[in-house]
């Protein structure tokens, strides 16, 4: 299991080290998960918070900001 700092660093690299974009992406994906979206990763703990799932998905390259922007239009 990876440490949270390692996951956050990978996710930050996925958005070109832009913390604002990362925060926006985590918020939008966590909102989608809360509304019933299926997680794109295998959950190690079924009681994970939506923000943790979203951060792990971004770090794994499963979610990108452009896809969320397009889906909201």
PDB file of N, CA and C in Angstrom:
ATOM      1  N   UNK A   1       0.843  -1.182   0.000  1.00  0.00           N
ATOM      2  CA  UNK A   1       0.000   0.000   0.000  1.00  0.00           C
ATOM      3  C   UNK A   1       0.881   1.236   0.000  1.00  0.00           C
ATOM      4  N   UNK A   2       0.539   2.173  -0.873  1.00  0.00           N
ATOM      5  CA  UNK A   2       1.313   3.397  -0.982  1.00  0.00           C
ATOM      6  C   UNK A   2       0.914   4.396   0.087  1.00  0.00           C
ATOM      7  N   UNK A   3       1.867   5.230   0.426  1.00  0.00           N
ATOM      8  CA  UNK A   3       1.590   6.297   1.374  1.00  0.00           C
ATOM      9  C   UNK A   3       0.819   7.410   0.681  1.00  0.00           C
ATOM     10  N   UNK A   4       0.064   8.141   1.437  1.00  0.00           N
ATOM     11  CA  UNK A   4      -0.753   9.222   0.885  1.00  0.00           C
ATOM     12  C   UNK A   4       0.109  10.265   0.188  1.00  0.00           C
ATOM     13  N   UNK A   5       1.275  10.554   0.733  1.00  0.00           N
ATOM     14  CA  UNK A   5       2.158  11.551   0.126  1.00  0.00           C
ATOM     15  C   UNK A   5       2.612  11.115  -1.264  1.00  0.00           C
ATOM     16  N   UNK A   6       2.886   9.817  -1.432  1.00  0.00           N
ATOM     17  CA  UNK A   6       3.305   9.302  -2.733  1.00  0.00           C
ATOM     18  C   UNK A   6       2.165   9.392  -3.742  1.00  0.00           C
ATOM     19  N   UNK A   7       0.965   9.065  -3.304  1.00  0.00           N
ATOM     20  CA  UNK A   7      -0.204   9.122  -4.183  1.00  0.00           C
ATOM     21  C   UNK A   7      -0.468  10.565  -4.594  1.00  0.00           C
ATOM     22  N   UNK A   8      -0.400  11.481  -3.639  1.00  0.00           N
ATOM     23  CA  UNK A   8      -0.629  12.900  -3.937  1.00  0.00           C
ATOM     24  C   UNK A   8       0.430  13.433  -4.903  1.00  0.00           C
ATOM     25  N   UNK A   9       1.675  13.014  -4.756  1.00  0.00           N
ATOM     26  CA  UNK A   9       2.742  13.457  -5.655  1.00  0.00           C
ATOM     27  C   UNK A   9       2.499  12.949  -7.078  1.00  0.00           C
ATOM     28  N   UNK A  10       2.060  11.709  -7.217  1.00  0.00           N
ATOM     29  CA  UNK A  10       1.756  11.163  -8.540  1.00  0.00           C
ATOM     30  C   UNK A  10       0.578  11.894  -9.167  1.00  0.00           C
ATOM     31  N   UNK A  11      -0.440  12.174  -8.369  1.00  0.00           N
ATOM     32  CA  UNK A  11      -1.611  12.886  -8.871  1.00  0.00           C
ATOM     33  C   UNK A  11      -1.234  14.305  -9.285  1.00  0.00           C
ATOM     34  N   UNK A  12      -0.379  14.949  -8.524  1.00  0.00           N
ATOM     35  CA  UNK A  12       0.068  16.300  -8.845  1.00  0.00           C
ATOM     36  C   UNK A  12       0.856  16.303 -10.152  1.00  0.00           C
ATOM     37  N   UNK A  13       1.675  15.295 -10.362  1.00  0.00           N
ATOM     38  CA  UNK A  13       2.412  15.182 -11.625  1.00  0.00           C
ATOM     39  C   UNK A  13       1.462  14.985 -12.801  1.00  0.00           C
ATOM     40  N   UNK A  14       0.350  14.318 -12.567  1.00  0.00           N
ATOM     41  CA  UNK A  14      -0.614  14.053 -13.630  1.00  0.00           C
ATOM     42  C   UNK A  14      -1.300  15.325 -14.124  1.00  0.00           C
ATOM     43  N   UNK A  15      -1.316  16.368 -13.309  1.00  0.00           N
ATOM     44  CA  UNK A  15      -1.932  17.644 -13.706  1.00  0.00           C
ATOM     45  C   UNK A  15      -0.880  18.736 -13.865  1.00  0.00           C
ATOM     46  N   UNK A  16       0.319  18.347 -14.256  1.00  0.00           N
ATOM     47  CA  UNK A  16       1.421  19.283 -14.509  1.00  0.00           C
ATOM     48  C   UNK A  16       1.758  20.157 -13.307  1.00  0.00           C
ATOM     49  N   UNK A  17       1.703  19.576 -12.130  1.00  0.00           N
ATOM     50  CA  UNK A  17       2.066  20.253 -10.874  1.00  0.00           C
ATOM     51  C   UNK A  17       1.232  21.497 -10.590  1.00  0.00           C
ATOM     52  N   UNK A  18      -0.002  21.500 -11.040  1.00  0.00           N
ATOM     53  CA  UNK A  18      -0.917  22.608 -10.789  1.00  0.00           C
ATOM     54  C   UNK A  18      -1.871  22.199  -9.668  1.00  0.00           C
ATOM     55  N   UNK A  19      -1.666  22.747  -8.485  1.00  0.00           N
ATOM     56  CA  UNK A  19      -2.465  22.367  -7.320  1.00  0.00           C
ATOM     57  C   UNK A  19      -3.936  22.759  -7.471  1.00  0.00           C
ATOM     58  N   UNK A  20      -4.190  23.871  -8.157  1.00  0.00           N
ATOM     59  CA  UNK A  20      -5.569  24.286  -8.368  1.00  0.00           C
ATOM     60  C   UNK A  20      -6.308  23.258  -9.228  1.00  0.00           C
ATOM     61  N   UNK A  21      -5.681  22.815 -10.308  1.00  0.00           N
ATOM     62  CA  UNK A  21      -6.297  21.817 -11.178  1.00  0.00           C
ATOM     63  C   UNK A  21      -6.525  20.510 -10.425  1.00  0.00           C
ATOM     64  N   UNK A  22      -5.566  20.128  -9.601  1.00  0.00           N
ATOM     65  CA  UNK A  22      -5.713  18.898  -8.831  1.00  0.00           C
ATOM     66  C   UNK A  22      -6.891  19.007  -7.869  1.00  0.00           C
ATOM     67  N   UNK A  23      -6.999  20.124  -7.186  1.00  0.00           N
ATOM     68  CA  UNK A  23      -8.112  20.317  -6.245  1.00  0.00           C
ATOM     69  C   UNK A  23      -9.448  20.282  -6.978  1.00  0.00           C
ATOM     70  N   UNK A  24      -9.501  20.919  -8.143  1.00  0.00           N
ATOM     71  CA  UNK A  24     -10.726  20.932  -8.939  1.00  0.00           C
ATOM     72  C   UNK A  24     -11.078  19.525  -9.411  1.00  0.00           C
ATOM     73  N   UNK A  25     -10.096  18.802  -9.879  1.00  0.00           N
ATOM     74  CA  UNK A  25     -10.326  17.454 -10.384  1.00  0.00           C
ATOM     75  C   UNK A  25     -10.771  16.503  -9.278  1.00  0.00           C
ATOM     76  N   UNK A  26     -10.124  16.583  -8.126  1.00  0.00           N
ATOM     77  CA  UNK A  26     -10.525  15.738  -6.992  1.00  0.00           C
ATOM     78  C   UNK A  26     -11.955  16.070  -6.570  1.00  0.00           C
ATOM     79  N   UNK A  27     -12.279  17.346  -6.493  1.00  0.00           N
ATOM     80  CA  UNK A  27     -13.623  17.750  -6.073  1.00  0.00           C
ATOM     81  C   UNK A  27     -14.687  17.253  -7.043  1.00  0.00           C
ATOM     82  N   UNK A  28     -14.444  17.429  -8.340  1.00  0.00           N
ATOM     83  CA  UNK A  28     -15.430  17.014  -9.348  1.00  0.00           C
ATOM     84  C   UNK A  28     -15.598  15.495  -9.361  1.00  0.00           C
ATOM     85  N   UNK A  29     -14.496  14.772  -9.276  1.00  0.00           N
ATOM     86  CA  UNK A  29     -14.583  13.307  -9.309  1.00  0.00           C
ATOM     87  C   UNK A  29     -15.225  12.776  -8.027  1.00  0.00           C
ATOM     88  N   UNK A  30     -14.891  13.362  -6.877  1.00  0.00           N
ATOM     89  CA  UNK A  30     -15.499  12.941  -5.615  1.00  0.00           C
ATOM     90  C   UNK A  30     -16.997  13.200  -5.640  1.00  0.00           C
ATOM     91  N   UNK A  31     -17.410  14.297  -6.244  1.00  0.00           N
ATOM     92  CA  UNK A  31     -18.835  14.604  -6.377  1.00  0.00           C
ATOM     93  C   UNK A  31     -19.524  13.551  -7.252  1.00  0.00           C
ATOM     94  N   UNK A  32     -18.870  13.173  -8.340  1.00  0.00           N
ATOM     95  CA  UNK A  32     -19.437  12.147  -9.219  1.00  0.00           C
ATOM     96  C   UNK A  32     -19.556  10.810  -8.486  1.00  0.00           C
ATOM     97  N   UNK A  33     -18.557  10.467  -7.697  1.00  0.00           N
ATOM     98  CA  UNK A  33     -18.604   9.225  -6.923  1.00  0.00           C
ATOM     99  C   UNK A  33     -19.727   9.272  -5.891  1.00  0.00           C
ATOM    100  N   UNK A  34     -19.912  10.417  -5.259  1.00  0.00           N
ATOM    101  CA  UNK A  34     -20.973  10.565  -4.270  1.00  0.00           C
ATOM    102  C   UNK A  34     -22.353  10.434  -4.903  1.00  0.00           C
ATOM    103  N   UNK A  35     -22.446  10.795  -6.175  1.00  0.00           N
ATOM    104  CA  UNK A  35     -23.720  10.699  -6.883  1.00  0.00           C
ATOM    105  C   UNK A  35     -23.951   9.322  -7.497  1.00  0.00           C
ATOM    106  N   UNK A  36     -23.016   8.396  -7.256  1.00  0.00           N
ATOM    107  CA  UNK A  36     -23.235   7.027  -7.698  1.00  0.00           C
ATOM    108  C   UNK A  36     -22.324   6.509  -8.793  1.00  0.00           C
ATOM    109  N   UNK A  37     -21.338   7.274  -9.224  1.00  0.00           N
ATOM    110  CA  UNK A  37     -20.411   6.805 -10.249  1.00  0.00           C
ATOM    111  C   UNK A  37     -19.620   5.604  -9.720  1.00  0.00           C
ATOM    112  N   UNK A  38     -19.271   4.709 -10.617  1.00  0.00           N
ATOM    113  CA  UNK A  38     -18.512   3.523 -10.242  1.00  0.00           C
ATOM    114  C   UNK A  38     -17.030   3.868 -10.136  1.00  0.00           C
ATOM    115  N   UNK A  39     -16.356   3.462  -9.068  1.00  0.00           N
ATOM    116  CA  UNK A  39     -14.917   3.704  -8.955  1.00  0.00           C
ATOM    117  C   UNK A  39     -14.155   3.007 -10.085  1.00  0.00           C
ATOM    118  N   UNK A  40     -13.120   3.669 -10.584  1.00  0.00           N
ATOM    119  CA  UNK A  40     -12.334   3.148 -11.686  1.00  0.00           C
ATOM    120  C   UNK A  40     -11.133   2.335 -11.227  1.00  0.00           C
ATOM    121  N   UNK A  41     -10.980   2.203  -9.926  1.00  0.00           N
ATOM    122  CA  UNK A  41      -9.879   1.426  -9.357  1.00  0.00           C
ATOM    123  C   UNK A  41     -10.446   0.366  -8.423  1.00  0.00           C
ATOM    124  N   UNK A  42      -9.624  -0.617  -8.112  1.00  0.00           N
ATOM    125  CA  UNK A  42     -10.010  -1.633  -7.138  1.00  0.00           C
ATOM    126  C   UNK A  42      -9.787  -1.060  -5.743  1.00  0.00           C
ATOM    127  N   UNK A  43     -10.811  -1.107  -4.925  1.00  0.00           N
ATOM    128  CA  UNK A  43     -10.730  -0.524  -3.585  1.00  0.00           C
ATOM    129  C   UNK A  43     -10.145  -1.532  -2.602  1.00  0.00           C
ATOM    130  N   UNK A  44      -9.110  -1.106  -1.891  1.00  0.00           N
ATOM    131  CA  UNK A  44      -8.498  -1.961  -0.877  1.00  0.00           C
ATOM    132  C   UNK A  44      -9.305  -1.933   0.418  1.00  0.00           C
ATOM    133  N   UNK A  45     -10.038  -0.856   0.613  1.00  0.00           N
ATOM    134  CA  UNK A  45     -10.848  -0.684   1.803  1.00  0.00           C
ATOM    135  C   UNK A  45     -12.223  -0.198   1.358  1.00  0.00           C
ATOM    136  N   UNK A  46     -13.272  -0.953   1.593  1.00  0.00           N
ATOM    137  CA  UNK A  46     -14.594  -0.538   1.111  1.00  0.00           C
ATOM    138  C   UNK A  46     -15.130   0.734   1.776  1.00  0.00           C
ATOM    139  N   UNK A  47     -14.507   1.188   2.838  1.00  0.00           N
ATOM    140  CA  UNK A  47     -14.972   2.387   3.530  1.00  0.00           C
ATOM    141  C   UNK A  47     -14.126   3.618   3.197  1.00  0.00           C
ATOM    142  N   UNK A  48     -13.417   3.587   2.063  1.00  0.00           N
ATOM    143  CA  UNK A  48     -12.598   4.731   1.658  1.00  0.00           C
ATOM    144  C   UNK A  48     -13.484   5.930   1.368  1.00  0.00           C
ATOM    145  N   UNK A  49     -12.988   7.100   1.665  1.00  0.00           N
ATOM    146  CA  UNK A  49     -13.713   8.333   1.386  1.00  0.00           C
ATOM    147  C   UNK A  49     -13.649   8.623  -0.114  1.00  0.00           C
ATOM    148  N   UNK A  50     -14.642   9.339  -0.605  1.00  0.00           N
ATOM    149  CA  UNK A  50     -14.710   9.648  -2.023  1.00  0.00           C
ATOM    150  C   UNK A  50     -13.494  10.441  -2.492  1.00  0.00           C
ATOM    151  N   UNK A  51     -12.991  11.339  -1.663  1.00  0.00           N
ATOM    152  CA  UNK A  51     -11.824  12.128  -2.057  1.00  0.00           C
ATOM    153  C   UNK A  51     -10.579  11.257  -2.177  1.00  0.00           C
ATOM    154  N   UNK A  52     -10.446  10.272  -1.300  1.00  0.00           N
ATOM    155  CA  UNK A  52      -9.311   9.356  -1.382  1.00  0.00           C
ATOM    156  C   UNK A  52      -9.377   8.511  -2.644  1.00  0.00           C
ATOM    157  N   UNK A  53     -10.566   8.053  -2.980  1.00  0.00           N
ATOM    158  CA  UNK A  53     -10.745   7.269  -4.205  1.00  0.00           C
ATOM    159  C   UNK A  53     -10.400   8.129  -5.416  1.00  0.00           C
ATOM    160  N   UNK A  54     -10.902   9.358  -5.436  1.00  0.00           N
ATOM    161  CA  UNK A  54     -10.638  10.265  -6.554  1.00  0.00           C
ATOM    162  C   UNK A  54      -9.151  10.537  -6.713  1.00  0.00           C
ATOM    163  N   UNK A  55      -8.458  10.772  -5.614  1.00  0.00           N
ATOM    164  CA  UNK A  55      -7.018  11.035  -5.668  1.00  0.00           C
ATOM    165  C   UNK A  55      -6.272   9.827  -6.213  1.00  0.00           C
ATOM    166  N   UNK A  56      -6.644   8.631  -5.781  1.00  0.00           N
ATOM    167  CA  UNK A  56      -6.004   7.410  -6.290  1.00  0.00           C
ATOM    168  C   UNK A  56      -6.291   7.201  -7.775  1.00  0.00           C
ATOM    169  N   UNK A  57      -7.498   7.527  -8.217  1.00  0.00           N
ATOM    170  CA  UNK A  57      -7.837   7.397  -9.630  1.00  0.00           C
ATOM    171  C   UNK A  57      -7.006   8.353 -10.482  1.00  0.00           C
ATOM    172  N   UNK A  58      -6.816   9.565 -10.004  1.00  0.00           N
ATOM    173  CA  UNK A  58      -6.028  10.554 -10.735  1.00  0.00           C
ATOM    174  C   UNK A  58      -4.573  10.109 -10.798  1.00  0.00           C
ATOM    175  N   UNK A  59      -4.051   9.622  -9.693  1.00  0.00           N
ATOM    176  CA  UNK A  59      -2.664   9.150  -9.655  1.00  0.00           C
ATOM    177  C   UNK A  59      -2.451   7.973 -10.599  1.00  0.00           C
ATOM    178  N   UNK A  60      -3.480   7.150 -10.761  1.00  0.00           N
ATOM    179  CA  UNK A  60      -3.379   5.988 -11.645  1.00  0.00           C
ATOM    180  C   UNK A  60      -3.609   6.357 -13.107  1.00  0.00           C
ATOM    181  N   UNK A  61      -3.972   7.609 -13.373  1.00  0.00           N
ATOM    182  CA  UNK A  61      -4.194   8.050 -14.738  1.00  0.00           C
ATOM    183  C   UNK A  61      -5.549   7.674 -15.306  1.00  0.00           C
ATOM    184  N   UNK A  62      -6.477   7.326 -14.444  1.00  0.00           N
ATOM    185  CA  UNK A  62      -7.812   6.912 -14.881  1.00  0.00           C
ATOM    186  C   UNK A  62      -8.745   8.093 -15.133  1.00  0.00           C
ATOM    187  N   UNK A  63      -8.441   9.252 -14.548  1.00  0.00           N
ATOM    188  CA  UNK A  63      -9.295  10.433 -14.675  1.00  0.00           C
ATOM    189  C   UNK A  63      -8.422  11.608 -15.096  1.00  0.00           C
ATOM    190  N   UNK A  64      -8.895  12.358 -16.090  1.00  0.00           N
ATOM    191  CA  UNK A  64      -8.188  13.568 -16.518  1.00  0.00           C
ATOM    192  C   UNK A  64      -9.164  14.735 -16.517  1.00  0.00           C
ATOM    193  N   UNK A  65      -8.650  15.924 -16.343  1.00  0.00           N
ATOM    194  CA  UNK A  65      -9.479  17.116 -16.215  1.00  0.00           C
ATOM    195  C   UNK A  65     -10.281  17.387 -17.488  1.00  0.00           C
ATOM    196  N   UNK A  66      -9.677  17.189 -18.645  1.00  0.00           N
ATOM    197  CA  UNK A  66     -10.364  17.478 -19.904  1.00  0.00           C
ATOM    198  C   UNK A  66     -11.623  16.623 -20.045  1.00  0.00           C
ATOM    199  N   UNK A  67     -11.588  15.391 -19.609  1.00  0.00           N
ATOM    200  CA  UNK A  67     -12.750  14.511 -19.712  1.00  0.00           C
ATOM    201  C   UNK A  67     -13.887  15.004 -18.826  1.00  0.00           C
ATOM    202  N   UNK A  68     -13.581  15.493 -17.648  1.00  0.00           N
ATOM    203  CA  UNK A  68     -14.618  16.018 -16.766  1.00  0.00           C
ATOM    204  C   UNK A  68     -15.229  17.290 -17.303  1.00  0.00           C
ATOM    205  N   UNK A  69     -14.430  18.135 -17.905  1.00  0.00           N
ATOM    206  CA  UNK A  69     -14.934  19.387 -18.470  1.00  0.00           C
ATOM    207  C   UNK A  69     -15.879  19.078 -19.619  1.00  0.00           C
ATOM    208  N   UNK A  70     -15.495  18.153 -20.498  1.00  0.00           N
ATOM    209  CA  UNK A  70     -16.326  17.787 -21.635  1.00  0.00           C
ATOM    210  C   UNK A  70     -17.623  17.138 -21.209  1.00  0.00           C
ATOM    211  N   UNK A  71     -17.593  16.318 -20.165  1.00  0.00           N
ATOM    212  CA  UNK A  71     -18.796  15.617 -19.730  1.00  0.00           C
ATOM    213  C   UNK A  71     -19.801  16.561 -19.073  1.00  0.00           C
ATOM    214  N   UNK A  72     -19.357  17.712 -18.602  1.00  0.00           N
ATOM    215  CA  UNK A  72     -20.257  18.675 -17.959  1.00  0.00           C
ATOM    216  C   UNK A  72     -20.929  19.613 -18.951  1.00  0.00           C
ATOM    217  N   UNK A  73     -20.520  19.572 -20.197  1.00  0.00           N
ATOM    218  CA  UNK A  73     -21.100  20.481 -21.210  1.00  0.00           C
ATOM    219  C   UNK A  73     -22.349  19.932 -21.781  1.00  0.00           C
TER     220      UNK A  73
END
